[in-house]
PDB file of N, CA and C in Angstrom:
ATOM      1  N   MET A   1     -53.175 -42.721  31.137  1.00  0.00           N
ATOM      2  CA  MET A   1     -52.041 -42.233  31.911  1.00  0.00           C
ATOM      3  C   MET A   1     -52.386 -40.933  32.653  1.00  0.00           C
ATOM      4  N   SER A   2     -53.208 -40.103  32.041  1.00  0.00           N
ATOM      5  CA  SER A   2     -53.506 -38.813  32.662  1.00  0.00           C
ATOM      6  C   SER A   2     -54.341 -38.960  33.929  1.00  0.00           C
ATOM      7  N   ARG A   3     -55.016 -40.091  34.099  1.00  0.00           N
ATOM      8  CA  ARG A   3     -55.839 -40.248  35.305  1.00  0.00           C
ATOM      9  C   ARG A   3     -54.974 -40.437  36.543  1.00  0.00           C
ATOM     10  N   TYR A   4     -53.697 -40.752  36.374  1.00  0.00           N
ATOM     11  CA  TYR A   4     -52.804 -40.930  37.517  1.00  0.00           C
ATOM     12  C   TYR A   4     -52.278 -39.597  38.045  1.00  0.00           C
ATOM     13  N   PHE A   5     -52.365 -38.559  37.246  1.00  0.00           N
ATOM     14  CA  PHE A   5     -51.823 -37.275  37.647  1.00  0.00           C
ATOM     15  C   PHE A   5     -52.898 -36.206  37.673  1.00  0.00           C
ATOM     16  N   ASN A   6     -53.941 -36.427  38.445  1.00  0.00           N
ATOM     17  CA  ASN A   6     -55.017 -35.445  38.600  1.00  0.00           C
ATOM     18  C   ASN A   6     -54.631 -34.464  39.694  1.00  0.00           C
ATOM     19  N   LYS A   7     -54.596 -33.191  39.345  1.00  0.00           N
ATOM     20  CA  LYS A   7     -54.248 -32.172  40.331  1.00  0.00           C
ATOM     21  C   LYS A   7     -55.407 -31.960  41.284  1.00  0.00           C
ATOM     22  N   LEU A   8     -55.083 -31.737  42.529  1.00  0.00           N
ATOM     23  CA  LEU A   8     -56.078 -31.506  43.563  1.00  0.00           C
ATOM     24  C   LEU A   8     -56.689 -30.122  43.360  1.00  0.00           C
ATOM     25  N   ALA A   9     -57.996 -30.051  43.352  1.00  0.00           N
ATOM     26  CA  ALA A   9     -58.692 -28.784  43.109  1.00  0.00           C
ATOM     27  C   ALA A   9     -58.422 -27.801  44.243  1.00  0.00           C
ATOM     28  N   GLY A  10     -58.201 -26.565  43.891  1.00  0.00           N
ATOM     29  CA  GLY A  10     -58.010 -25.523  44.890  1.00  0.00           C
ATOM     30  C   GLY A  10     -56.568 -25.341  45.329  1.00  0.00           C
ATOM     31  N   PHE A  11     -55.667 -26.151  44.861  1.00  0.00           N
ATOM     32  CA  PHE A  11     -54.261 -26.028  45.230  1.00  0.00           C
ATOM     33  C   PHE A  11     -53.439 -25.704  43.989  1.00  0.00           C
ATOM     34  N   SER A  12     -52.459 -24.875  44.154  1.00  0.00           N
ATOM     35  CA  SER A  12     -51.541 -24.548  43.061  1.00  0.00           C
ATOM     36  C   SER A  12     -50.129 -24.511  43.626  1.00  0.00           C
ATOM     37  N   ARG A  13     -49.204 -24.156  42.794  1.00  0.00           N
ATOM     38  CA  ARG A  13     -47.809 -24.074  43.238  1.00  0.00           C
ATOM     39  C   ARG A  13     -47.664 -23.017  44.319  1.00  0.00           C
ATOM     40  N   SER A  14     -46.834 -23.304  45.291  1.00  0.00           N
ATOM     41  CA  SER A  14     -46.523 -22.314  46.312  1.00  0.00           C
ATOM     42  C   SER A  14     -45.607 -21.265  45.699  1.00  0.00           C
ATOM     43  N   PRO A  15     -45.628 -20.059  46.210  1.00  0.00           N
ATOM     44  CA  PRO A  15     -44.759 -19.025  45.638  1.00  0.00           C
ATOM     45  C   PRO A  15     -43.283 -19.366  45.855  1.00  0.00           C
ATOM     46  N   ALA A  16     -42.488 -18.959  44.902  1.00  0.00           N
ATOM     47  CA  ALA A  16     -41.044 -19.222  44.968  1.00  0.00           C
ATOM     48  C   ALA A  16     -40.439 -18.443  46.125  1.00  0.00           C
ATOM     49  N   GLY A  17     -39.456 -19.050  46.743  1.00  0.00           N
ATOM     50  CA  GLY A  17     -38.795 -18.421  47.872  1.00  0.00           C
ATOM     51  C   GLY A  17     -37.294 -18.427  47.692  1.00  0.00           C
ATOM     52  N   LEU A  18     -36.604 -18.711  48.768  1.00  0.00           N
ATOM     53  CA  LEU A  18     -35.149 -18.714  48.770  1.00  0.00           C
ATOM     54  C   LEU A  18     -34.580 -19.791  47.853  1.00  0.00           C
ATOM     55  N   GLU A  19     -35.305 -20.889  47.677  1.00  0.00           N
ATOM     56  CA  GLU A  19     -34.784 -21.985  46.858  1.00  0.00           C
ATOM     57  C   GLU A  19     -34.567 -21.569  45.415  1.00  0.00           C
ATOM     58  N   SER A  20     -35.404 -20.691  44.886  1.00  0.00           N
ATOM     59  CA  SER A  20     -35.219 -20.234  43.505  1.00  0.00           C
ATOM     60  C   SER A  20     -33.968 -19.384  43.375  1.00  0.00           C
ATOM     61  N   ARG A  21     -33.746 -18.530  44.343  1.00  0.00           N
ATOM     62  CA  ARG A  21     -32.523 -17.708  44.309  1.00  0.00           C
ATOM     63  C   ARG A  21     -31.277 -18.568  44.455  1.00  0.00           C
ATOM     64  N   LEU A  22     -31.342 -19.598  45.293  1.00  0.00           N
ATOM     65  CA  LEU A  22     -30.192 -20.491  45.454  1.00  0.00           C
ATOM     66  C   LEU A  22     -29.895 -21.256  44.178  1.00  0.00           C
ATOM     67  N   LEU A  23     -30.938 -21.706  43.478  1.00  0.00           N
ATOM     68  CA  LEU A  23     -30.726 -22.425  42.225  1.00  0.00           C
ATOM     69  C   LEU A  23     -30.134 -21.531  41.144  1.00  0.00           C
ATOM     70  N   VAL A  24     -30.489 -20.253  41.154  1.00  0.00           N
ATOM     71  CA  VAL A  24     -29.918 -19.317  40.183  1.00  0.00           C
ATOM     72  C   VAL A  24     -28.461 -19.003  40.531  1.00  0.00           C
ATOM     73  N   LEU A  25     -28.158 -18.907  41.815  1.00  0.00           N
ATOM     74  CA  LEU A  25     -26.796 -18.557  42.247  1.00  0.00           C
ATOM     75  C   LEU A  25     -25.812 -19.719  42.207  1.00  0.00           C
ATOM     76  N   ALA A  26     -26.298 -20.948  42.203  1.00  0.00           N
ATOM     77  CA  ALA A  26     -25.410 -22.114  42.300  1.00  0.00           C
ATOM     78  C   ALA A  26     -24.364 -22.182  41.189  1.00  0.00           C
ATOM     79  N   PRO A  27     -24.719 -22.045  39.907  1.00  0.00           N
ATOM     80  CA  PRO A  27     -23.672 -22.121  38.881  1.00  0.00           C
ATOM     81  C   PRO A  27     -22.643 -20.997  38.986  1.00  0.00           C
ATOM     82  N   ARG A  28     -23.115 -19.811  39.344  1.00  0.00           N
ATOM     83  CA  ARG A  28     -22.196 -18.675  39.486  1.00  0.00           C
ATOM     84  C   ARG A  28     -21.239 -18.899  40.659  1.00  0.00           C
ATOM     85  N   CYS A  29     -21.761 -19.388  41.770  1.00  0.00           N
ATOM     86  CA  CYS A  29     -20.896 -19.679  42.926  1.00  0.00           C
ATOM     87  C   CYS A  29     -19.893 -20.769  42.593  1.00  0.00           C
ATOM     88  N   LEU A  30     -20.326 -21.756  41.848  1.00  0.00           N
ATOM     89  CA  LEU A  30     -19.425 -22.836  41.455  1.00  0.00           C
ATOM     90  C   LEU A  30     -18.307 -22.313  40.563  1.00  0.00           C
ATOM     91  N   LEU A  31     -18.643 -21.488  39.587  1.00  0.00           N
ATOM     92  CA  LEU A  31     -17.637 -20.954  38.669  1.00  0.00           C
ATOM     93  C   LEU A  31     -16.678 -20.010  39.379  1.00  0.00           C
ATOM     94  N   TYR A  32     -17.214 -19.003  40.074  1.00  0.00           N
ATOM     95  CA  TYR A  32     -16.343 -18.026  40.731  1.00  0.00           C
ATOM     96  C   TYR A  32     -15.548 -18.650  41.873  1.00  0.00           C
ATOM     97  N   GLY A  33     -16.147 -19.550  42.597  1.00  0.00           N
ATOM     98  CA  GLY A  33     -15.432 -20.219  43.673  1.00  0.00           C
ATOM     99  C   GLY A  33     -14.301 -21.087  43.158  1.00  0.00           C
ATOM    100  N   THR A  34     -14.553 -21.782  42.047  1.00  0.00           N
ATOM    101  CA  THR A  34     -13.496 -22.603  41.458  1.00  0.00           C
ATOM    102  C   THR A  34     -12.344 -21.733  40.962  1.00  0.00           C
ATOM    103  N   LEU A  35     -12.674 -20.617  40.327  1.00  0.00           N
ATOM    104  CA  LEU A  35     -11.617 -19.705  39.868  1.00  0.00           C
ATOM    105  C   LEU A  35     -10.841 -19.112  41.049  1.00  0.00           C
ATOM    106  N   LEU A  36     -11.555 -18.747  42.092  1.00  0.00           N
ATOM    107  CA  LEU A  36     -10.901 -18.142  43.253  1.00  0.00           C
ATOM    108  C   LEU A  36     -10.006 -19.145  43.978  1.00  0.00           C
ATOM    109  N   LEU A  37     -10.498 -20.368  44.165  1.00  0.00           N
ATOM    110  CA  LEU A  37      -9.703 -21.360  44.879  1.00  0.00           C
ATOM    111  C   LEU A  37      -8.644 -22.023  44.002  1.00  0.00           C
ATOM    112  N   GLY A  38      -8.848 -22.007  42.692  1.00  0.00           N
ATOM    113  CA  GLY A  38      -7.872 -22.603  41.794  1.00  0.00           C
ATOM    114  C   GLY A  38      -6.749 -21.662  41.415  1.00  0.00           C
ATOM    115  N   SER A  39      -6.939 -20.367  41.611  1.00  0.00           N
ATOM    116  CA  SER A  39      -5.896 -19.403  41.224  1.00  0.00           C
ATOM    117  C   SER A  39      -4.604 -19.555  42.030  1.00  0.00           C
ATOM    118  N   PRO A  40      -4.619 -19.805  43.342  1.00  0.00           N
ATOM    119  CA  PRO A  40      -3.336 -19.997  44.034  1.00  0.00           C
ATOM    120  C   PRO A  40      -2.561 -21.192  43.497  1.00  0.00           C
ATOM    121  N   LEU A  41      -3.287 -22.246  43.148  1.00  0.00           N
ATOM    122  CA  LEU A  41      -2.629 -23.421  42.590  1.00  0.00           C
ATOM    123  C   LEU A  41      -1.963 -23.082  41.258  1.00  0.00           C
ATOM    124  N   CYS A  42      -2.673 -22.350  40.415  1.00  0.00           N
ATOM    125  CA  CYS A  42      -2.096 -21.963  39.124  1.00  0.00           C
ATOM    126  C   CYS A  42      -0.917 -21.007  39.301  1.00  0.00           C
ATOM    127  N   LEU A  43      -1.047 -20.046  40.202  1.00  0.00           N
ATOM    128  CA  LEU A  43       0.053 -19.107  40.434  1.00  0.00           C
ATOM    129  C   LEU A  43       1.271 -19.811  41.020  1.00  0.00           C
ATOM    130  N   TRP A  44       1.034 -20.760  41.904  1.00  0.00           N
ATOM    131  CA  TRP A  44       2.129 -21.512  42.508  1.00  0.00           C
ATOM    132  C   TRP A  44       2.855 -22.324  41.454  1.00  0.00           C
ATOM    133  N   ARG A  45       2.096 -22.954  40.567  1.00  0.00           N
ATOM    134  CA  ARG A  45       2.702 -23.737  39.484  1.00  0.00           C
ATOM    135  C   ARG A  45       3.440 -22.829  38.501  1.00  0.00           C
ATOM    136  N   LEU A  46       2.918 -21.637  38.243  1.00  0.00           N
ATOM    137  CA  LEU A  46       3.596 -20.678  37.370  1.00  0.00           C
ATOM    138  C   LEU A  46       4.917 -20.236  37.979  1.00  0.00           C
ATOM    139  N   GLN A  47       4.933 -20.024  39.288  1.00  0.00           N
ATOM    140  CA  GLN A  47       6.167 -19.645  39.963  1.00  0.00           C
ATOM    141  C   GLN A  47       7.192 -20.773  39.882  1.00  0.00           C
ATOM    142  N   LEU A  48       6.761 -22.000  40.033  1.00  0.00           N
ATOM    143  CA  LEU A  48       7.683 -23.135  39.911  1.00  0.00           C
ATOM    144  C   LEU A  48       8.233 -23.260  38.495  1.00  0.00           C
ATOM    145  N   TRP A  49       7.407 -22.908  37.503  1.00  0.00           N
ATOM    146  CA  TRP A  49       7.848 -23.006  36.117  1.00  0.00           C
ATOM    147  C   TRP A  49       8.807 -21.873  35.760  1.00  0.00           C
ATOM    148  N   LEU A  50       8.518 -20.651  36.254  1.00  0.00           N
ATOM    149  CA  LEU A  50       9.375 -19.501  35.931  1.00  0.00           C
ATOM    150  C   LEU A  50      10.687 -19.524  36.707  1.00  0.00           C
ATOM    151  N   TRP A  51      10.649 -19.891  37.978  1.00  0.00           N
ATOM    152  CA  TRP A  51      11.846 -19.920  38.816  1.00  0.00           C
ATOM    153  C   TRP A  51      12.010 -21.309  39.423  1.00  0.00           C
ATOM    154  N   PRO A  52      12.528 -22.249  38.658  1.00  0.00           N
ATOM    155  CA  PRO A  52      12.683 -23.599  39.210  1.00  0.00           C
ATOM    156  C   PRO A  52      13.670 -23.598  40.372  1.00  0.00           C
ATOM    157  N   GLY A  53      13.361 -24.353  41.375  1.00  0.00           N
ATOM    158  CA  GLY A  53      14.222 -24.437  42.545  1.00  0.00           C
ATOM    159  C   GLY A  53      13.933 -23.389  43.597  1.00  0.00           C
ATOM    160  N   SER A  54      13.021 -22.450  43.312  1.00  0.00           N
ATOM    161  CA  SER A  54      12.710 -21.414  44.309  1.00  0.00           C
ATOM    162  C   SER A  54      11.859 -21.969  45.445  1.00  0.00           C
ATOM    163  N   LEU A  55      11.127 -23.030  45.186  1.00  0.00           N
ATOM    164  CA  LEU A  55      10.269 -23.627  46.196  1.00  0.00           C
ATOM    165  C   LEU A  55      10.574 -25.115  46.299  1.00  0.00           C
ATOM    166  N   SER A  56      10.389 -25.642  47.470  1.00  0.00           N
ATOM    167  CA  SER A  56      10.669 -27.065  47.652  1.00  0.00           C
ATOM    168  C   SER A  56       9.500 -27.908  47.133  1.00  0.00           C
ATOM    169  N   ALA A  57       9.778 -29.168  46.888  1.00  0.00           N
ATOM    170  CA  ALA A  57       8.732 -30.083  46.424  1.00  0.00           C
ATOM    171  C   ALA A  57       7.680 -30.296  47.507  1.00  0.00           C
ATOM    172  N   GLN A  58       8.107 -30.219  48.768  1.00  0.00           N
ATOM    173  CA  GLN A  58       7.156 -30.386  49.871  1.00  0.00           C
ATOM    174  C   GLN A  58       6.163 -29.222  49.902  1.00  0.00           C
ATOM    175  N   GLN A  59       6.647 -27.994  49.679  1.00  0.00           N
ATOM    176  CA  GLN A  59       5.747 -26.839  49.642  1.00  0.00           C
ATOM    177  C   GLN A  59       4.771 -26.943  48.467  1.00  0.00           C
ATOM    178  N   ALA A  60       5.270 -27.355  47.321  1.00  0.00           N
ATOM    179  CA  ALA A  60       4.401 -27.491  46.155  1.00  0.00           C
ATOM    180  C   ALA A  60       3.335 -28.559  46.390  1.00  0.00           C
ATOM    181  N   GLY A  61       3.702 -29.657  46.994  1.00  0.00           N
ATOM    182  CA  GLY A  61       2.737 -30.708  47.298  1.00  0.00           C
ATOM    183  C   GLY A  61       1.688 -30.261  48.288  1.00  0.00           C
ATOM    184  N   MET A  62       2.106 -29.468  49.282  1.00  0.00           N
ATOM    185  CA  MET A  62       1.158 -28.971  50.281  1.00  0.00           C
ATOM    186  C   MET A  62       0.139 -28.024  49.649  1.00  0.00           C
ATOM    187  N   VAL A  63       0.613 -27.138  48.767  1.00  0.00           N
ATOM    188  CA  VAL A  63      -0.317 -26.230  48.086  1.00  0.00           C
ATOM    189  C   VAL A  63      -1.278 -27.020  47.206  1.00  0.00           C
ATOM    190  N   ASP A  64      -0.792 -28.041  46.516  1.00  0.00           N
ATOM    191  CA  ASP A  64      -1.655 -28.888  45.686  1.00  0.00           C
ATOM    192  C   ASP A  64      -2.739 -29.542  46.526  1.00  0.00           C
ATOM    193  N   ILE A  65      -2.353 -30.127  47.636  1.00  0.00           N
ATOM    194  CA  ILE A  65      -3.311 -30.826  48.495  1.00  0.00           C
ATOM    195  C   ILE A  65      -4.348 -29.863  49.057  1.00  0.00           C
ATOM    196  N   LEU A  66      -3.914 -28.709  49.527  1.00  0.00           N
ATOM    197  CA  LEU A  66      -4.852 -27.733  50.099  1.00  0.00           C
ATOM    198  C   LEU A  66      -5.815 -27.196  49.042  1.00  0.00           C
ATOM    199  N   ALA A  67      -5.287 -26.839  47.876  1.00  0.00           N
ATOM    200  CA  ALA A  67      -6.149 -26.277  46.831  1.00  0.00           C
ATOM    201  C   ALA A  67      -7.165 -27.308  46.350  1.00  0.00           C
ATOM    202  N   ILE A  68      -6.743 -28.528  46.138  1.00  0.00           N
ATOM    203  CA  ILE A  68      -7.659 -29.562  45.658  1.00  0.00           C
ATOM    204  C   ILE A  68      -8.697 -29.904  46.721  1.00  0.00           C
ATOM    205  N   SER A  69      -8.292 -29.951  47.983  1.00  0.00           N
ATOM    206  CA  SER A  69      -9.264 -30.266  49.043  1.00  0.00           C
ATOM    207  C   SER A  69     -10.299 -29.153  49.191  1.00  0.00           C
ATOM    208  N   TRP A  70      -9.880 -27.898  49.094  1.00  0.00           N
ATOM    209  CA  TRP A  70     -10.831 -26.787  49.176  1.00  0.00           C
ATOM    210  C   TRP A  70     -11.767 -26.782  47.968  1.00  0.00           C
ATOM    211  N   LEU A  71     -11.253 -27.145  46.792  1.00  0.00           N
ATOM    212  CA  LEU A  71     -12.105 -27.216  45.609  1.00  0.00           C
ATOM    213  C   LEU A  71     -13.159 -28.316  45.763  1.00  0.00           C
ATOM    214  N   ILE A  72     -12.758 -29.459  46.248  1.00  0.00           N
ATOM    215  CA  ILE A  72     -13.717 -30.557  46.442  1.00  0.00           C
ATOM    216  C   ILE A  72     -14.758 -30.169  47.489  1.00  0.00           C
ATOM    217  N   LEU A  73     -14.337 -29.498  48.546  1.00  0.00           N
ATOM    218  CA  LEU A  73     -15.289 -29.036  49.562  1.00  0.00           C
ATOM    219  C   LEU A  73     -16.282 -28.045  48.959  1.00  0.00           C
ATOM    220  N   LEU A  74     -15.799 -27.093  48.168  1.00  0.00           N
ATOM    221  CA  LEU A  74     -16.685 -26.114  47.534  1.00  0.00           C
ATOM    222  C   LEU A  74     -17.699 -26.805  46.639  1.00  0.00           C
ATOM    223  N   TRP A  75     -17.247 -27.717  45.785  1.00  0.00           N
ATOM    224  CA  TRP A  75     -18.162 -28.409  44.875  1.00  0.00           C
ATOM    225  C   TRP A  75     -19.188 -29.222  45.646  1.00  0.00           C
ATOM    226  N   THR A  76     -18.775 -29.860  46.722  1.00  0.00           N
ATOM    227  CA  THR A  76     -19.703 -30.656  47.520  1.00  0.00           C
ATOM    228  C   THR A  76     -20.752 -29.772  48.184  1.00  0.00           C
ATOM    229  N   VAL A  77     -20.335 -28.644  48.736  1.00  0.00           N
ATOM    230  CA  VAL A  77     -21.277 -27.740  49.404  1.00  0.00           C
ATOM    231  C   VAL A  77     -22.263 -27.155  48.400  1.00  0.00           C
ATOM    232  N   VAL A  78     -21.773 -26.696  47.251  1.00  0.00           N
ATOM    233  CA  VAL A  78     -22.665 -26.113  46.246  1.00  0.00           C
ATOM    234  C   VAL A  78     -23.643 -27.168  45.730  1.00  0.00           C
ATOM    235  N   PHE A  79     -23.157 -28.378  45.475  1.00  0.00           N
ATOM    236  CA  PHE A  79     -24.041 -29.447  45.000  1.00  0.00           C
ATOM    237  C   PHE A  79     -25.102 -29.782  46.046  1.00  0.00           C
ATOM    238  N   THR A  80     -24.711 -29.857  47.315  1.00  0.00           N
ATOM    239  CA  THR A  80     -25.657 -30.208  48.374  1.00  0.00           C
ATOM    240  C   THR A  80     -26.723 -29.130  48.544  1.00  0.00           C
ATOM    241  N   VAL A  81     -26.323 -27.874  48.530  1.00  0.00           N
ATOM    242  CA  VAL A  81     -27.285 -26.773  48.671  1.00  0.00           C
ATOM    243  C   VAL A  81     -28.218 -26.730  47.461  1.00  0.00           C
ATOM    244  N   ALA A  82     -27.669 -26.917  46.260  1.00  0.00           N
ATOM    245  CA  ALA A  82     -28.506 -26.906  45.056  1.00  0.00           C
ATOM    246  C   ALA A  82     -29.473 -28.088  45.049  1.00  0.00           C
ATOM    247  N   LEU A  83     -29.027 -29.245  45.495  1.00  0.00           N
ATOM    248  CA  LEU A  83     -29.909 -30.408  45.563  1.00  0.00           C
ATOM    249  C   LEU A  83     -31.043 -30.170  46.562  1.00  0.00           C
ATOM    250  N   GLY A  84     -30.728 -29.608  47.707  1.00  0.00           N
ATOM    251  CA  GLY A  84     -31.758 -29.287  48.691  1.00  0.00           C
ATOM    252  C   GLY A  84     -32.754 -28.268  48.157  1.00  0.00           C
ATOM    253  N   ALA A  85     -32.267 -27.248  47.456  1.00  0.00           N
ATOM    254  CA  ALA A  85     -33.162 -26.242  46.879  1.00  0.00           C
ATOM    255  C   ALA A  85     -34.040 -26.850  45.797  1.00  0.00           C
ATOM    256  N   TRP A  86     -33.482 -27.765  45.012  1.00  0.00           N
ATOM    257  CA  TRP A  86     -34.265 -28.429  43.974  1.00  0.00           C
ATOM    258  C   TRP A  86     -35.363 -29.296  44.593  1.00  0.00           C
ATOM    259  N   ILE A  87     -35.042 -29.993  45.667  1.00  0.00           N
ATOM    260  CA  ILE A  87     -36.038 -30.825  46.350  1.00  0.00           C
ATOM    261  C   ILE A  87     -37.160 -29.960  46.917  1.00  0.00           C
ATOM    262  N   VAL A  88     -36.819 -28.824  47.512  1.00  0.00           N
ATOM    263  CA  VAL A  88     -37.850 -27.920  48.040  1.00  0.00           C
ATOM    264  C   VAL A  88     -38.720 -27.401  46.899  1.00  0.00           C
ATOM    265  N   ARG A  89     -38.106 -27.099  45.774  1.00  0.00           N
ATOM    266  CA  ARG A  89     -38.869 -26.603  44.628  1.00  0.00           C
ATOM    267  C   ARG A  89     -39.840 -27.665  44.122  1.00  0.00           C
ATOM    268  N   ILE A  90     -39.393 -28.904  44.062  1.00  0.00           N
ATOM    269  CA  ILE A  90     -40.276 -29.995  43.635  1.00  0.00           C
ATOM    270  C   ILE A  90     -41.410 -30.174  44.646  1.00  0.00           C
ATOM    271  N   MET A  91     -41.094 -30.086  45.935  1.00  0.00           N
ATOM    272  CA  MET A  91     -42.120 -30.280  46.968  1.00  0.00           C
ATOM    273  C   MET A  91     -43.146 -29.158  46.981  1.00  0.00           C
ATOM    274  N   LYS A  92     -42.789 -27.972  46.509  1.00  0.00           N
ATOM    275  CA  LYS A  92     -43.729 -26.858  46.464  1.00  0.00           C
ATOM    276  C   LYS A  92     -44.624 -26.912  45.242  1.00  0.00           C
ATOM    277  N   GLY A  93     -44.494 -27.928  44.442  1.00  0.00           N
ATOM    278  CA  GLY A  93     -45.305 -28.065  43.235  1.00  0.00           C
ATOM    279  C   GLY A  93     -46.767 -28.296  43.560  1.00  0.00           C
ATOM    280  N   PRO A  94     -47.576 -28.478  42.525  1.00  0.00           N
ATOM    281  CA  PRO A  94     -49.012 -28.670  42.766  1.00  0.00           C
ATOM    282  C   PRO A  94     -49.304 -29.974  43.488  1.00  0.00           C
ATOM    283  N   ALA A  95     -50.408 -29.991  44.212  1.00  0.00           N
ATOM    284  CA  ALA A  95     -50.828 -31.198  44.931  1.00  0.00           C
ATOM    285  C   ALA A  95     -51.617 -32.088  43.978  1.00  0.00           C
ATOM    286  N   TYR A  96     -51.430 -33.392  44.131  1.00  0.00           N
ATOM    287  CA  TYR A  96     -52.113 -34.347  43.277  1.00  0.00           C
ATOM    288  C   TYR A  96     -53.064 -35.205  44.106  1.00  0.00           C
ATOM    289  N   VAL A  97     -54.118 -35.690  43.459  1.00  0.00           N
ATOM    290  CA  VAL A  97     -55.084 -36.566  44.103  1.00  0.00           C
ATOM    291  C   VAL A  97     -54.444 -37.943  44.249  1.00  0.00           C
ATOM    292  N   ALA A  98     -54.534 -38.504  45.426  1.00  0.00           N
ATOM    293  CA  ALA A  98     -53.992 -39.845  45.652  1.00  0.00           C
ATOM    294  C   ALA A  98     -54.935 -40.885  45.052  1.00  0.00           C
ATOM    295  N   ASP A  99     -54.384 -42.011  44.673  1.00  0.00           N
ATOM    296  CA  ASP A  99     -55.197 -43.100  44.144  1.00  0.00           C
ATOM    297  C   ASP A  99     -56.086 -43.656  45.245  1.00  0.00           C
ATOM    298  N   ALA A 100     -57.289 -44.054  44.860  1.00  0.00           N
ATOM    299  CA  ALA A 100     -58.184 -44.702  45.818  1.00  0.00           C
ATOM    300  C   ALA A 100     -57.634 -46.092  46.099  1.00  0.00           C
ATOM    301  N   TYR A 101     -57.549 -46.433  47.362  1.00  0.00           N
ATOM    302  CA  TYR A 101     -56.993 -47.724  47.751  1.00  0.00           C
ATOM    303  C   TYR A 101     -57.985 -48.389  48.691  1.00  0.00           C
ATOM    304  N   PRO A 102     -58.727 -49.385  48.209  1.00  0.00           N
ATOM    305  CA  PRO A 102     -59.714 -50.029  49.080  1.00  0.00           C
ATOM    306  C   PRO A 102     -59.005 -50.876  50.143  1.00  0.00           C
ATOM    307  N   LEU A 103     -59.477 -50.758  51.376  1.00  0.00           N
ATOM    308  CA  LEU A 103     -58.911 -51.528  52.464  1.00  0.00           C
ATOM    309  C   LEU A 103     -59.566 -52.897  52.493  1.00  0.00           C
ATOM    310  N   ALA A 104     -58.758 -53.926  52.608  1.00  0.00           N
ATOM    311  CA  ALA A 104     -59.276 -55.293  52.545  1.00  0.00           C
ATOM    312  C   ALA A 104     -59.985 -55.713  53.827  1.00  0.00           C
ATOM    313  N   ASP A 105     -59.574 -55.201  54.998  1.00  0.00           N
ATOM    314  CA  ASP A 105     -60.121 -55.689  56.259  1.00  0.00           C
ATOM    315  C   ASP A 105     -61.235 -54.811  56.820  1.00  0.00           C
ATOM    316  N   HIS A 106     -61.589 -53.713  56.190  1.00  0.00           N
ATOM    317  CA  HIS A 106     -62.656 -52.842  56.678  1.00  0.00           C
ATOM    318  C   HIS A 106     -63.622 -52.552  55.536  1.00  0.00           C
ATOM    319  N   PRO A 107     -64.928 -52.690  55.803  1.00  0.00           N
ATOM    320  CA  PRO A 107     -65.883 -52.366  54.747  1.00  0.00           C
ATOM    321  C   PRO A 107     -65.911 -50.863  54.458  1.00  0.00           C
ATOM    322  N   ARG A 108     -65.813 -50.055  55.510  1.00  0.00           N
ATOM    323  CA  ARG A 108     -65.774 -48.601  55.353  1.00  0.00           C
ATOM    324  C   ARG A 108     -64.604 -48.069  56.176  1.00  0.00           C
ATOM    325  N   PRO A 109     -63.667 -47.363  55.569  1.00  0.00           N
ATOM    326  CA  PRO A 109     -62.555 -46.817  56.352  1.00  0.00           C
ATOM    327  C   PRO A 109     -63.064 -45.853  57.416  1.00  0.00           C
ATOM    328  N   GLY A 110     -62.546 -45.975  58.607  1.00  0.00           N
ATOM    329  CA  GLY A 110     -62.929 -45.105  59.711  1.00  0.00           C
ATOM    330  C   GLY A 110     -64.119 -45.611  60.502  1.00  0.00           C
ATOM    331  N   SER A 111     -64.765 -46.684  60.079  1.00  0.00           N
ATOM    332  CA  SER A 111     -65.941 -47.167  60.793  1.00  0.00           C
ATOM    333  C   SER A 111     -65.569 -48.038  61.992  1.00  0.00           C
ATOM    334  N   GLN A 112     -64.401 -48.615  61.965  1.00  0.00           N
ATOM    335  CA  GLN A 112     -63.966 -49.480  63.059  1.00  0.00           C
ATOM    336  C   GLN A 112     -62.591 -49.013  63.541  1.00  0.00           C
ATOM    337  N   PRO A 113     -62.302 -49.192  64.809  1.00  0.00           N
ATOM    338  CA  PRO A 113     -60.950 -48.821  65.269  1.00  0.00           C
ATOM    339  C   PRO A 113     -59.902 -49.750  64.678  1.00  0.00           C
ATOM    340  N   ALA A 114     -58.750 -49.218  64.429  1.00  0.00           N
ATOM    341  CA  ALA A 114     -57.672 -50.018  63.844  1.00  0.00           C
ATOM    342  C   ALA A 114     -57.156 -51.056  64.815  1.00  0.00           C
ATOM    343  N   LEU A 115     -57.076 -50.725  66.101  1.00  0.00           N
ATOM    344  CA  LEU A 115     -56.590 -51.658  67.123  1.00  0.00           C
ATOM    345  C   LEU A 115     -57.669 -51.837  68.171  1.00  0.00           C
ATOM    346  N   PRO A 116     -57.778 -53.036  68.737  1.00  0.00           N
ATOM    347  CA  PRO A 116     -58.763 -53.220  69.818  1.00  0.00           C
ATOM    348  C   PRO A 116     -58.342 -52.424  71.039  1.00  0.00           C
ATOM    349  N   PRO A 117     -59.304 -52.004  71.862  1.00  0.00           N
ATOM    350  CA  PRO A 117     -58.930 -51.246  73.070  1.00  0.00           C
ATOM    351  C   PRO A 117     -58.155 -52.126  74.038  1.00  0.00           C
ATOM    352  N   PRO A 118     -57.239 -51.544  74.793  1.00  0.00           N
ATOM    353  CA  PRO A 118     -56.439 -52.344  75.735  1.00  0.00           C
ATOM    354  C   PRO A 118     -57.308 -52.847  76.891  1.00  0.00           C
ATOM    355  N   HIS A 119     -56.990 -54.053  77.387  1.00  0.00           N
ATOM    356  CA  HIS A 119     -57.706 -54.645  78.512  1.00  0.00           C
ATOM    357  C   HIS A 119     -56.962 -54.338  79.799  1.00  0.00           C
ATOM    358  N   ASP A 120     -57.711 -54.105  80.873  1.00  0.00           N
ATOM    359  CA  ASP A 120     -57.089 -53.808  82.173  1.00  0.00           C
ATOM    360  C   ASP A 120     -56.763 -55.043  82.915  1.00  0.00           C
TER     361      ASP A 120
END
């Protein structure tokens, strides 16, 4: 199994960049953003519970829809940015030697042109 994962000599991991900082910040942004965007919904519901009839059902529904839509947008953006940063981090990993793949139609790769030259 180890022969499939031979690291290419002379190459190592690229230095960490912005992707590492984004991966560290993602959980914090998710938590604080959820608390920030969820607080109006909680406060609105608390007001409805403490003073029933002070707000209409239409206003309460509108606040629910807006808060939930902003929360879903936040989670989607944070997930997408974190996924992109994770992919960049994986791509910056060490280089591996590719498997040797003998070509069936050429005795030596590069000895013959792949396509015949065009005719005039």
